[in-house]
Amino acid sequence: MTIQYRRATPEDFAAIVELFIVNMNLSVFTTATDKQVLKQLATLFLAKDCHYATFIQVAEYDDITCGVVIGVTKEDSYKALPFDDEPIIVQIEQKLGLSEQGQQVLIDLQKKRNGWRETKDSRF
């Protein structure tokens, strides 16, 4: 068994989202359980990650994507993918707003953002 690594391309985005859905427990981010809503959540996260990434490698076995390595460093302004995340984010947030569970995801994300701000601003 040989796994090949290569630079990611924008065309890899859908396969990366699928890997994320299959391998990550998205319930740590939301109480939503609808599979389509969770896919939208994964797409939202990965659009942002891919936009800021300075390094993305895709692992393949028999031409099937089986892994991904995403890295970000503030010391490097290089972008691993020519990737505009804004249209994807706007589209996904609009879709999430159309269903009850999607709205719950948006609420859950806002609560987490507010919690992160409070933690960041805390003085210990």
C-alpha atoms as a PDB file:
ATOM      1  CA  MET A   1       0.000   0.000   0.000  1.00  0.00           C
ATOM      2  CA  THR A   2       1.501   3.289  -1.115  1.00  0.00           C
ATOM      3  CA  ILE A   3      -0.019   6.626  -0.262  1.00  0.00           C
ATOM      4  CA  GLN A   4       0.969   9.494  -2.521  1.00  0.00           C
ATOM      5  CA  TYR A   5       0.991  13.113  -1.361  1.00  0.00           C
ATOM      6  CA  ARG A   6       0.500  16.085  -3.646  1.00  0.00           C
ATOM      7  CA  ARG A   7      -0.398  19.748  -3.446  1.00  0.00           C
ATOM      8  CA  ALA A   8      -4.099  20.365  -3.133  1.00  0.00           C
ATOM      9  CA  THR A   9      -6.066  22.074  -5.882  1.00  0.00           C
ATOM     10  CA  PRO A  10      -9.407  23.894  -5.640  1.00  0.00           C
ATOM     11  CA  GLU A  11     -10.975  20.802  -7.225  1.00  0.00           C
ATOM     12  CA  ASP A  12     -10.044  18.822  -4.083  1.00  0.00           C
ATOM     13  CA  PHE A  13     -12.308  20.906  -1.868  1.00  0.00           C
ATOM     14  CA  ALA A  14     -15.375  18.624  -2.080  1.00  0.00           C
ATOM     15  CA  ALA A  15     -13.313  15.516  -1.258  1.00  0.00           C
ATOM     16  CA  ILE A  16     -11.701  17.320   1.691  1.00  0.00           C
ATOM     17  CA  VAL A  17     -15.160  18.261   3.002  1.00  0.00           C
ATOM     18  CA  GLU A  18     -16.273  14.619   2.723  1.00  0.00           C
ATOM     19  CA  LEU A  19     -13.196  13.460   4.682  1.00  0.00           C
ATOM     20  CA  PHE A  20     -13.990  15.988   7.380  1.00  0.00           C
ATOM     21  CA  ILE A  21     -17.619  14.833   7.622  1.00  0.00           C
ATOM     22  CA  VAL A  22     -16.680  11.159   7.857  1.00  0.00           C
ATOM     23  CA  ASN A  23     -13.808  11.569  10.316  1.00  0.00           C
ATOM     24  CA  MET A  24     -14.765  14.449  12.582  1.00  0.00           C
ATOM     25  CA  ASN A  25     -17.332  14.518  15.354  1.00  0.00           C
ATOM     26  CA  LEU A  26     -19.166  17.679  14.369  1.00  0.00           C
ATOM     27  CA  SER A  27     -21.461  17.380  17.397  1.00  0.00           C
ATOM     28  CA  VAL A  28     -18.788  19.165  19.458  1.00  0.00           C
ATOM     29  CA  PHE A  29     -19.681  22.322  17.517  1.00  0.00           C
ATOM     30  CA  THR A  30     -23.477  22.081  17.426  1.00  0.00           C
ATOM     31  CA  THR A  31     -26.534  20.229  18.638  1.00  0.00           C
ATOM     32  CA  ALA A  32     -27.786  19.816  15.048  1.00  0.00           C
ATOM     33  CA  THR A  33     -27.998  16.254  13.739  1.00  0.00           C
ATOM     34  CA  ASP A  34     -29.269  16.697  10.162  1.00  0.00           C
ATOM     35  CA  LYS A  35     -26.635  15.307   7.782  1.00  0.00           C
ATOM     36  CA  GLN A  36     -27.081  18.074   5.197  1.00  0.00           C
ATOM     37  CA  VAL A  37     -26.761  20.753   7.866  1.00  0.00           C
ATOM     38  CA  LEU A  38     -23.603  19.093   9.210  1.00  0.00           C
ATOM     39  CA  LYS A  39     -22.186  19.004   5.684  1.00  0.00           C
ATOM     40  CA  GLN A  40     -22.839  22.726   5.400  1.00  0.00           C
ATOM     41  CA  LEU A  41     -21.083  23.254   8.733  1.00  0.00           C
ATOM     42  CA  ALA A  42     -18.060  21.264   7.538  1.00  0.00           C
ATOM     43  CA  THR A  43     -18.024  23.267   4.298  1.00  0.00           C
ATOM     44  CA  LEU A  44     -18.101  26.506   6.275  1.00  0.00           C
ATOM     45  CA  PHE A  45     -15.156  25.477   8.461  1.00  0.00           C
ATOM     46  CA  LEU A  46     -13.070  24.168   5.591  1.00  0.00           C
ATOM     47  CA  ALA A  47     -13.709  27.170   3.345  1.00  0.00           C
ATOM     48  CA  LYS A  48     -12.124  29.327   6.027  1.00  0.00           C
ATOM     49  CA  ASP A  49      -9.298  26.851   6.671  1.00  0.00           C
ATOM     50  CA  CYS A  50      -8.442  26.505   2.991  1.00  0.00           C
ATOM     51  CA  HIS A  51      -8.539  30.263   2.481  1.00  0.00           C
ATOM     52  CA  TYR A  52      -5.970  30.906   5.226  1.00  0.00           C
ATOM     53  CA  ALA A  53      -3.851  27.794   4.723  1.00  0.00           C
ATOM     54  CA  THR A  54      -0.230  28.261   3.752  1.00  0.00           C
ATOM     55  CA  PHE A  55       0.243  24.528   3.193  1.00  0.00           C
ATOM     56  CA  ILE A  56      -2.229  21.893   1.980  1.00  0.00           C
ATOM     57  CA  GLN A  57      -1.271  18.396   0.902  1.00  0.00           C
ATOM     58  CA  VAL A  58      -3.753  15.738  -0.195  1.00  0.00           C
ATOM     59  CA  ALA A  59      -3.032  12.069   0.456  1.00  0.00           C
ATOM     60  CA  GLU A  60      -4.253   9.607  -2.168  1.00  0.00           C
ATOM     61  CA  TYR A  61      -4.401   5.849  -2.415  1.00  0.00           C
ATOM     62  CA  ASP A  62      -5.442   4.363  -5.775  1.00  0.00           C
ATOM     63  CA  ASP A  63      -6.559   7.855  -6.906  1.00  0.00           C
ATOM     64  CA  ILE A  64      -8.915   8.167  -3.924  1.00  0.00           C
ATOM     65  CA  THR A  65      -8.415  11.010  -1.463  1.00  0.00           C
ATOM     66  CA  CYS A  66      -7.770   9.430   1.936  1.00  0.00           C
ATOM     67  CA  GLY A  67      -6.238  12.284   3.915  1.00  0.00           C
ATOM     68  CA  VAL A  68      -5.318  15.924   4.022  1.00  0.00           C
ATOM     69  CA  VAL A  69      -2.729  18.006   5.847  1.00  0.00           C
ATOM     70  CA  ILE A  70      -3.605  21.677   6.334  1.00  0.00           C
ATOM     71  CA  GLY A  71      -1.096  24.083   7.826  1.00  0.00           C
ATOM     72  CA  VAL A  72      -1.169  27.780   8.612  1.00  0.00           C
ATOM     73  CA  THR A  73       1.665  30.030   9.660  1.00  0.00           C
ATOM     74  CA  LYS A  74       1.476  33.739  10.340  1.00  0.00           C
ATOM     75  CA  GLU A  75       5.092  34.185   9.245  1.00  0.00           C
ATOM     76  CA  ASP A  76       4.245  33.341   5.627  1.00  0.00           C
ATOM     77  CA  SER A  77       1.777  35.264   3.460  1.00  0.00           C
ATOM     78  CA  TYR A  78       1.798  32.494   0.828  1.00  0.00           C
ATOM     79  CA  LYS A  79      -1.603  30.933   0.193  1.00  0.00           C
ATOM     80  CA  ALA A  80      -1.681  27.208  -0.528  1.00  0.00           C
ATOM     81  CA  LEU A  81      -4.760  27.570  -2.735  1.00  0.00           C
ATOM     82  CA  PRO A  82      -6.062  30.450  -4.813  1.00  0.00           C
ATOM     83  CA  PHE A  83      -9.296  30.231  -2.870  1.00  0.00           C
ATOM     84  CA  ASP A  84     -11.965  32.877  -2.278  1.00  0.00           C
ATOM     85  CA  ASP A  85     -13.894  31.698   0.769  1.00  0.00           C
ATOM     86  CA  GLU A  86     -16.338  34.608   0.942  1.00  0.00           C
ATOM     87  CA  PRO A  87     -18.876  33.407  -1.695  1.00  0.00           C
ATOM     88  CA  ILE A  88     -18.916  29.938  -0.122  1.00  0.00           C
ATOM     89  CA  ILE A  89     -19.397  31.349   3.378  1.00  0.00           C
ATOM     90  CA  VAL A  90     -22.244  33.642   2.274  1.00  0.00           C
ATOM     91  CA  GLN A  91     -23.967  30.808   0.402  1.00  0.00           C
ATOM     92  CA  ILE A  92     -23.647  28.340   3.297  1.00  0.00           C
ATOM     93  CA  GLU A  93     -24.846  30.849   5.896  1.00  0.00           C
ATOM     94  CA  GLN A  94     -27.881  31.585   3.700  1.00  0.00           C
ATOM     95  CA  LYS A  95     -28.632  27.852   3.376  1.00  0.00           C
ATOM     96  CA  LEU A  96     -28.239  27.335   7.111  1.00  0.00           C
ATOM     97  CA  GLY A  97     -30.719  30.124   7.743  1.00  0.00           C
ATOM     98  CA  LEU A  98     -33.420  28.231   5.833  1.00  0.00           C
ATOM     99  CA  SER A  99     -33.898  25.334   8.253  1.00  0.00           C
ATOM    100  CA  GLU A 100     -34.484  25.064  11.973  1.00  0.00           C
ATOM    101  CA  GLN A 101     -31.354  22.959  12.518  1.00  0.00           C
ATOM    102  CA  GLY A 102     -29.347  25.260  10.253  1.00  0.00           C
ATOM    103  CA  GLN A 103     -30.426  28.220  12.354  1.00  0.00           C
ATOM    104  CA  GLN A 104     -29.369  26.246  15.431  1.00  0.00           C
ATOM    105  CA  VAL A 105     -25.895  25.795  13.894  1.00  0.00           C
ATOM    106  CA  LEU A 106     -25.612  29.554  13.367  1.00  0.00           C
ATOM    107  CA  ILE A 107     -26.684  30.169  16.977  1.00  0.00           C
ATOM    108  CA  ASP A 108     -24.239  27.546  18.280  1.00  0.00           C
ATOM    109  CA  LEU A 109     -21.387  29.064  16.274  1.00  0.00           C
ATOM    110  CA  GLN A 110     -22.174  32.545  17.555  1.00  0.00           C
ATOM    111  CA  LYS A 111     -22.177  31.278  21.147  1.00  0.00           C
ATOM    112  CA  LYS A 112     -18.789  29.631  20.607  1.00  0.00           C
ATOM    113  CA  ARG A 113     -17.385  32.816  19.031  1.00  0.00           C
ATOM    114  CA  ASN A 114     -18.601  34.852  21.992  1.00  0.00           C
ATOM    115  CA  GLY A 115     -17.119  32.311  24.398  1.00  0.00           C
ATOM    116  CA  TRP A 116     -13.756  32.449  22.601  1.00  0.00           C
ATOM    117  CA  ARG A 117     -13.764  36.251  22.806  1.00  0.00           C
ATOM    118  CA  GLU A 118     -14.509  36.141  26.533  1.00  0.00           C
ATOM    119  CA  THR A 119     -11.721  33.616  27.106  1.00  0.00           C
ATOM    120  CA  LYS A 120      -9.294  35.639  24.996  1.00  0.00           C
ATOM    121  CA  ASP A 121     -10.173  38.841  26.826  1.00  0.00           C
ATOM    122  CA  SER A 122      -9.962  37.271  30.310  1.00  0.00           C
ATOM    123  CA  ARG A 123      -7.139  38.278  32.583  1.00  0.00           C
ATOM    124  CA  PHE A 124      -5.688  35.463  34.675  1.00  0.00           C
END
